[in-house]
Amino acid sequence: MDEVHDMDGDPAAVLRKVRRRLWFFLVCLVLSGLTAFPLETETRLLAEFVSGPAAPLTDHFPAVTAWFERVHTGIAETNERYPFLAYGTDWLAFAHLVIGAAFWGPLKDPVRNIWVIRWAVLACGAVIPLALICGPLRGIPLVWRFIDMSFGVFGVIPLLLVLRALRPLERSFQETATAH
């Protein structure tokens, strides 16, 4: 059933719902990007958490604990010896923020800027082959590759809901544009 009919055909209600979903996606994208800056601190805290006295992971999943400790050690040693390599994750964080900035158009006028939403759906889909191809090349465990792929899978959900909700408004916009 069309979301427009769900809300008594009120385009303003559809736009409010669309904007809430876009804000959700945008906030998640920005937070994801911001976490790329303090990787050494984050991985240290995570390694301490999973190997601490109250951590059940150590007993039941020692490989997970070992992986988190290995990742932290790798980042800490790399930062100590080759701090310039962290510049790559700074650019990763920056890219997330820039991509987030692209969503100001859809937040303002989602119908006219629907291409940004469609492009983001493609980007979410591209996460999966990237993880499947590059993950094994970089020695990333399969479980972690699935975690990485989940960002694309879960990220696409609000975007697809937005596209579905915008269909009637997009048709109306196109009809108005061709009439003039």
C-alpha atoms as a PDB file:
ATOM      1  CA  MET A   1       0.000   0.000   0.000  1.00  0.00           C
ATOM      2  CA  ASP A   2       1.290   3.493  -0.820  1.00  0.00           C
ATOM      3  CA  GLU A   3       2.540   5.488   2.150  1.00  0.00           C
ATOM      4  CA  VAL A   4       0.686   8.501   0.791  1.00  0.00           C
ATOM      5  CA  HIS A   5      -2.608   6.613   1.228  1.00  0.00           C
ATOM      6  CA  ASP A   6      -1.468   5.434   4.651  1.00  0.00           C
ATOM      7  CA  MET A   7      -1.408   9.084   5.698  1.00  0.00           C
ATOM      8  CA  ASP A   8      -4.647  10.124   4.032  1.00  0.00           C
ATOM      9  CA  GLY A   9      -2.819  11.346   0.921  1.00  0.00           C
ATOM     10  CA  ASP A  10      -1.004  14.093   2.826  1.00  0.00           C
ATOM     11  CA  PRO A  11       2.212  14.876   0.920  1.00  0.00           C
ATOM     12  CA  ALA A  12       3.460  16.979   3.851  1.00  0.00           C
ATOM     13  CA  ALA A  13       3.188  13.950   6.147  1.00  0.00           C
ATOM     14  CA  VAL A  14       5.080  11.828   3.622  1.00  0.00           C
ATOM     15  CA  LEU A  15       7.829  14.448   3.406  1.00  0.00           C
ATOM     16  CA  ARG A  16       8.140  14.590   7.211  1.00  0.00           C
ATOM     17  CA  LYS A  17       8.511  10.804   7.346  1.00  0.00           C
ATOM     18  CA  VAL A  18      11.021  10.862   4.480  1.00  0.00           C
ATOM     19  CA  ARG A  19      13.076  13.561   6.188  1.00  0.00           C
ATOM     20  CA  ARG A  20      13.106  11.651   9.489  1.00  0.00           C
ATOM     21  CA  ARG A  21      14.471   8.587   7.680  1.00  0.00           C
ATOM     22  CA  LEU A  22      17.027  10.669   5.814  1.00  0.00           C
ATOM     23  CA  TRP A  23      18.133  12.268   9.103  1.00  0.00           C
ATOM     24  CA  PHE A  24      18.504   8.796  10.628  1.00  0.00           C
ATOM     25  CA  PHE A  25      20.667   7.683   7.705  1.00  0.00           C
ATOM     26  CA  LEU A  26      22.681  10.907   7.798  1.00  0.00           C
ATOM     27  CA  VAL A  27      23.358  10.725  11.541  1.00  0.00           C
ATOM     28  CA  CYS A  28      24.474   7.084  11.236  1.00  0.00           C
ATOM     29  CA  LEU A  29      26.729   7.972   8.304  1.00  0.00           C
ATOM     30  CA  VAL A  30      28.355  10.871  10.142  1.00  0.00           C
ATOM     31  CA  LEU A  31      28.819   8.872  13.357  1.00  0.00           C
ATOM     32  CA  SER A  32      30.356   6.050  11.338  1.00  0.00           C
ATOM     33  CA  GLY A  33      32.774   8.519   9.793  1.00  0.00           C
ATOM     34  CA  LEU A  34      33.690  10.161  13.066  1.00  0.00           C
ATOM     35  CA  THR A  35      34.667   6.800  14.548  1.00  0.00           C
ATOM     36  CA  ALA A  36      37.434   6.522  11.941  1.00  0.00           C
ATOM     37  CA  PHE A  37      39.443   9.287  13.670  1.00  0.00           C
ATOM     38  CA  PRO A  38      40.175   7.760  17.132  1.00  0.00           C
ATOM     39  CA  LEU A  39      40.846   4.180  15.991  1.00  0.00           C
ATOM     40  CA  GLU A  40      43.700   3.513  18.390  1.00  0.00           C
ATOM     41  CA  THR A  41      41.676   4.589  21.427  1.00  0.00           C
ATOM     42  CA  GLU A  42      38.573   2.740  20.238  1.00  0.00           C
ATOM     43  CA  THR A  43      40.417  -0.505  19.572  1.00  0.00           C
ATOM     44  CA  ARG A  44      42.221  -0.274  22.926  1.00  0.00           C
ATOM     45  CA  LEU A  45      38.915   0.163  24.752  1.00  0.00           C
ATOM     46  CA  LEU A  46      37.336  -2.675  22.781  1.00  0.00           C
ATOM     47  CA  ALA A  47      40.270  -5.031  23.443  1.00  0.00           C
ATOM     48  CA  GLU A  48      40.146  -4.161  27.150  1.00  0.00           C
ATOM     49  CA  PHE A  49      36.394  -4.690  27.239  1.00  0.00           C
ATOM     50  CA  VAL A  50      36.383  -8.110  25.566  1.00  0.00           C
ATOM     51  CA  SER A  51      39.319  -9.419  27.581  1.00  0.00           C
ATOM     52  CA  GLY A  52      38.323  -7.925  30.937  1.00  0.00           C
ATOM     53  CA  PRO A  53      37.314  -9.971  33.976  1.00  0.00           C
ATOM     54  CA  ALA A  54      33.584  -9.650  33.312  1.00  0.00           C
ATOM     55  CA  ALA A  55      33.881 -10.370  29.600  1.00  0.00           C
ATOM     56  CA  PRO A  56      32.274 -13.647  28.510  1.00  0.00           C
ATOM     57  CA  LEU A  57      33.845 -13.396  25.042  1.00  0.00           C
ATOM     58  CA  THR A  58      37.241 -14.520  26.271  1.00  0.00           C
ATOM     59  CA  ASP A  59      35.914 -17.846  27.570  1.00  0.00           C
ATOM     60  CA  HIS A  60      33.476 -18.619  24.771  1.00  0.00           C
ATOM     61  CA  PHE A  61      35.090 -16.933  21.765  1.00  0.00           C
ATOM     62  CA  PRO A  62      38.852 -16.707  22.304  1.00  0.00           C
ATOM     63  CA  ALA A  63      39.435 -16.105  18.579  1.00  0.00           C
ATOM     64  CA  VAL A  64      37.298 -12.947  18.726  1.00  0.00           C
ATOM     65  CA  THR A  65      39.253 -11.656  21.709  1.00  0.00           C
ATOM     66  CA  ALA A  66      42.535 -12.470  19.963  1.00  0.00           C
ATOM     67  CA  TRP A  67      41.355 -10.650  16.807  1.00  0.00           C
ATOM     68  CA  PHE A  68      40.436  -7.471  18.726  1.00  0.00           C
ATOM     69  CA  GLU A  69      43.790  -7.526  20.515  1.00  0.00           C
ATOM     70  CA  ARG A  70      45.619  -8.100  17.226  1.00  0.00           C
ATOM     71  CA  VAL A  71      43.802  -5.197  15.559  1.00  0.00           C
ATOM     72  CA  HIS A  72      44.623  -2.877  18.443  1.00  0.00           C
ATOM     73  CA  THR A  73      48.273  -3.952  18.482  1.00  0.00           C
ATOM     74  CA  GLY A  74      48.506  -3.428  14.721  1.00  0.00           C
ATOM     75  CA  ILE A  75      47.009   0.055  14.890  1.00  0.00           C
ATOM     76  CA  ALA A  76      49.063   1.089  17.948  1.00  0.00           C
ATOM     77  CA  GLU A  77      52.365  -0.158  16.484  1.00  0.00           C
ATOM     78  CA  THR A  78      51.617   1.355  13.093  1.00  0.00           C
ATOM     79  CA  ASN A  79      50.702   4.708  14.667  1.00  0.00           C
ATOM     80  CA  GLU A  80      53.925   4.646  16.684  1.00  0.00           C
ATOM     81  CA  ARG A  81      56.204   3.740  13.786  1.00  0.00           C
ATOM     82  CA  TYR A  82      54.303   5.088  10.767  1.00  0.00           C
ATOM     83  CA  PRO A  83      51.783   7.695  11.951  1.00  0.00           C
ATOM     84  CA  PHE A  84      51.315   9.001   8.406  1.00  0.00           C
ATOM     85  CA  LEU A  85      49.362   5.834   7.529  1.00  0.00           C
ATOM     86  CA  ALA A  86      46.556   6.993   9.848  1.00  0.00           C
ATOM     87  CA  TYR A  87      46.063   9.812   7.363  1.00  0.00           C
ATOM     88  CA  GLY A  88      44.231   7.238   5.193  1.00  0.00           C
ATOM     89  CA  THR A  89      41.590   6.705   7.879  1.00  0.00           C
ATOM     90  CA  ASP A  90      41.374  10.483   8.318  1.00  0.00           C
ATOM     91  CA  TRP A  91      40.398  10.627   4.645  1.00  0.00           C
ATOM     92  CA  LEU A  92      37.915   7.792   5.224  1.00  0.00           C
ATOM     93  CA  ALA A  93      36.294   9.844   7.974  1.00  0.00           C
ATOM     94  CA  PHE A  94      36.322  12.930   5.754  1.00  0.00           C
ATOM     95  CA  ALA A  95      34.641  10.986   2.933  1.00  0.00           C
ATOM     96  CA  HIS A  96      31.809   9.967   5.268  1.00  0.00           C
ATOM     97  CA  LEU A  97      31.292  13.608   6.252  1.00  0.00           C
ATOM     98  CA  VAL A  98      31.357  14.802   2.633  1.00  0.00           C
ATOM     99  CA  ILE A  99      28.895  12.099   1.594  1.00  0.00           C
ATOM    100  CA  GLY A 100      26.719  13.215   4.505  1.00  0.00           C
ATOM    101  CA  ALA A 101      26.851  16.788   3.207  1.00  0.00           C
ATOM    102  CA  ALA A 102      25.412  15.553  -0.103  1.00  0.00           C
ATOM    103  CA  PHE A 103      22.232  14.704   1.787  1.00  0.00           C
ATOM    104  CA  TRP A 104      21.422  18.362   2.465  1.00  0.00           C
ATOM    105  CA  GLY A 105      19.815  18.457  -0.989  1.00  0.00           C
ATOM    106  CA  PRO A 106      17.454  15.531  -0.334  1.00  0.00           C
ATOM    107  CA  LEU A 107      16.645  16.889   3.123  1.00  0.00           C
ATOM    108  CA  LYS A 108      15.591  20.182   1.563  1.00  0.00           C
ATOM    109  CA  ASP A 109      13.818  18.756  -1.496  1.00  0.00           C
ATOM    110  CA  PRO A 110      13.848  14.949  -1.632  1.00  0.00           C
ATOM    111  CA  VAL A 111      11.932  14.717  -4.901  1.00  0.00           C
ATOM    112  CA  ARG A 112      14.249  16.983  -6.891  1.00  0.00           C
ATOM    113  CA  ASN A 113      17.298  15.365  -5.310  1.00  0.00           C
ATOM    114  CA  ILE A 114      16.136  11.761  -5.502  1.00  0.00           C
ATOM    115  CA  TRP A 115      19.251  10.919  -7.519  1.00  0.00           C
ATOM    116  CA  VAL A 116      21.346  11.325  -4.340  1.00  0.00           C
ATOM    117  CA  ILE A 117      19.199   8.741  -2.582  1.00  0.00           C
ATOM    118  CA  ARG A 118      19.432   6.357  -5.548  1.00  0.00           C
ATOM    119  CA  TRP A 119      23.204   6.850  -5.652  1.00  0.00           C
ATOM    120  CA  ALA A 120      23.399   6.049  -1.912  1.00  0.00           C
ATOM    121  CA  VAL A 121      21.440   2.826  -2.500  1.00  0.00           C
ATOM    122  CA  LEU A 122      24.052   1.822  -5.094  1.00  0.00           C
ATOM    123  CA  ALA A 123      26.848   2.723  -2.671  1.00  0.00           C
ATOM    124  CA  CYS A 124      25.264   0.548   0.032  1.00  0.00           C
ATOM    125  CA  GLY A 125      25.138  -2.323  -2.437  1.00  0.00           C
ATOM    126  CA  ALA A 126      28.783  -1.777  -3.398  1.00  0.00           C
ATOM    127  CA  VAL A 127      29.831  -2.396   0.218  1.00  0.00           C
ATOM    128  CA  ILE A 128      29.153  -6.112  -0.240  1.00  0.00           C
ATOM    129  CA  PRO A 129      31.522  -6.885  -3.144  1.00  0.00           C
ATOM    130  CA  LEU A 130      34.171  -4.626  -1.589  1.00  0.00           C
ATOM    131  CA  ALA A 131      34.082  -6.644   1.652  1.00  0.00           C
ATOM    132  CA  LEU A 132      33.989  -9.965  -0.205  1.00  0.00           C
ATOM    133  CA  ILE A 133      36.900  -9.073  -2.520  1.00  0.00           C
ATOM    134  CA  CYS A 134      39.183  -6.933  -0.356  1.00  0.00           C
ATOM    135  CA  GLY A 135      38.486  -8.642   2.980  1.00  0.00           C
ATOM    136  CA  PRO A 136      40.284 -11.894   2.095  1.00  0.00           C
ATOM    137  CA  LEU A 137      43.116  -9.974   0.435  1.00  0.00           C
ATOM    138  CA  ARG A 138      43.691  -8.077   3.702  1.00  0.00           C
ATOM    139  CA  GLY A 139      43.304 -11.089   6.000  1.00  0.00           C
ATOM    140  CA  ILE A 140      39.988  -9.939   7.486  1.00  0.00           C
ATOM    141  CA  PRO A 141      38.074 -12.778   9.191  1.00  0.00           C
ATOM    142  CA  LEU A 142      34.827 -13.830   7.525  1.00  0.00           C
ATOM    143  CA  VAL A 143      32.742 -12.820  10.554  1.00  0.00           C
ATOM    144  CA  TRP A 144      34.155  -9.295  10.397  1.00  0.00           C
ATOM    145  CA  ARG A 145      33.444  -9.103   6.663  1.00  0.00           C
ATOM    146  CA  PHE A 146      29.803  -9.887   7.443  1.00  0.00           C
ATOM    147  CA  ILE A 147      29.812  -7.083  10.013  1.00  0.00           C
ATOM    148  CA  ASP A 148      31.192  -4.729   7.359  1.00  0.00           C
ATOM    149  CA  MET A 149      28.593  -5.884   4.828  1.00  0.00           C
ATOM    150  CA  SER A 150      25.848  -5.261   7.390  1.00  0.00           C
ATOM    151  CA  PHE A 151      26.527  -1.519   7.074  1.00  0.00           C
ATOM    152  CA  GLY A 152      25.388  -1.678   3.469  1.00  0.00           C
ATOM    153  CA  VAL A 153      22.476  -4.012   4.204  1.00  0.00           C
ATOM    154  CA  PHE A 154      21.129  -1.996   7.125  1.00  0.00           C
ATOM    155  CA  GLY A 155      22.020   1.333   5.522  1.00  0.00           C
ATOM    156  CA  VAL A 156      19.942   0.586   2.441  1.00  0.00           C
ATOM    157  CA  ILE A 157      16.747  -0.105   4.420  1.00  0.00           C
ATOM    158  CA  PRO A 158      15.845   3.510   5.307  1.00  0.00           C
ATOM    159  CA  LEU A 159      16.863   4.596   1.811  1.00  0.00           C
ATOM    160  CA  LEU A 160      14.582   2.053   0.118  1.00  0.00           C
ATOM    161  CA  LEU A 161      11.730   3.102   2.408  1.00  0.00           C
ATOM    162  CA  VAL A 162      12.383   6.713   1.398  1.00  0.00           C
ATOM    163  CA  LEU A 163      12.331   5.831  -2.311  1.00  0.00           C
ATOM    164  CA  ARG A 164       9.090   3.911  -1.878  1.00  0.00           C
ATOM    165  CA  ALA A 165       7.463   6.800  -0.039  1.00  0.00           C
ATOM    166  CA  LEU A 166       8.630   9.278  -2.678  1.00  0.00           C
ATOM    167  CA  ARG A 167       7.212   7.360  -5.657  1.00  0.00           C
ATOM    168  CA  PRO A 168       3.785   9.085  -5.665  1.00  0.00           C
ATOM    169  CA  LEU A 169       5.349  12.490  -5.020  1.00  0.00           C
ATOM    170  CA  GLU A 170       7.877  11.924  -7.797  1.00  0.00           C
ATOM    171  CA  ARG A 171       5.100  10.973 -10.237  1.00  0.00           C
ATOM    172  CA  SER A 172       3.162  14.072  -9.251  1.00  0.00           C
ATOM    173  CA  PHE A 173       6.273  16.219  -9.664  1.00  0.00           C
ATOM    174  CA  GLN A 174       6.950  14.751 -13.127  1.00  0.00           C
ATOM    175  CA  GLU A 175       3.335  15.300 -14.203  1.00  0.00           C
ATOM    176  CA  THR A 176       3.495  18.920 -13.047  1.00  0.00           C
ATOM    177  CA  ALA A 177       6.839  19.447 -14.793  1.00  0.00           C
ATOM    178  CA  THR A 178       5.606  18.055 -18.120  1.00  0.00           C
ATOM    179  CA  ALA A 179       2.399  20.098 -17.917  1.00  0.00           C
ATOM    180  CA  HIS A 180       4.364  23.344 -17.784  1.00  0.00           C
END
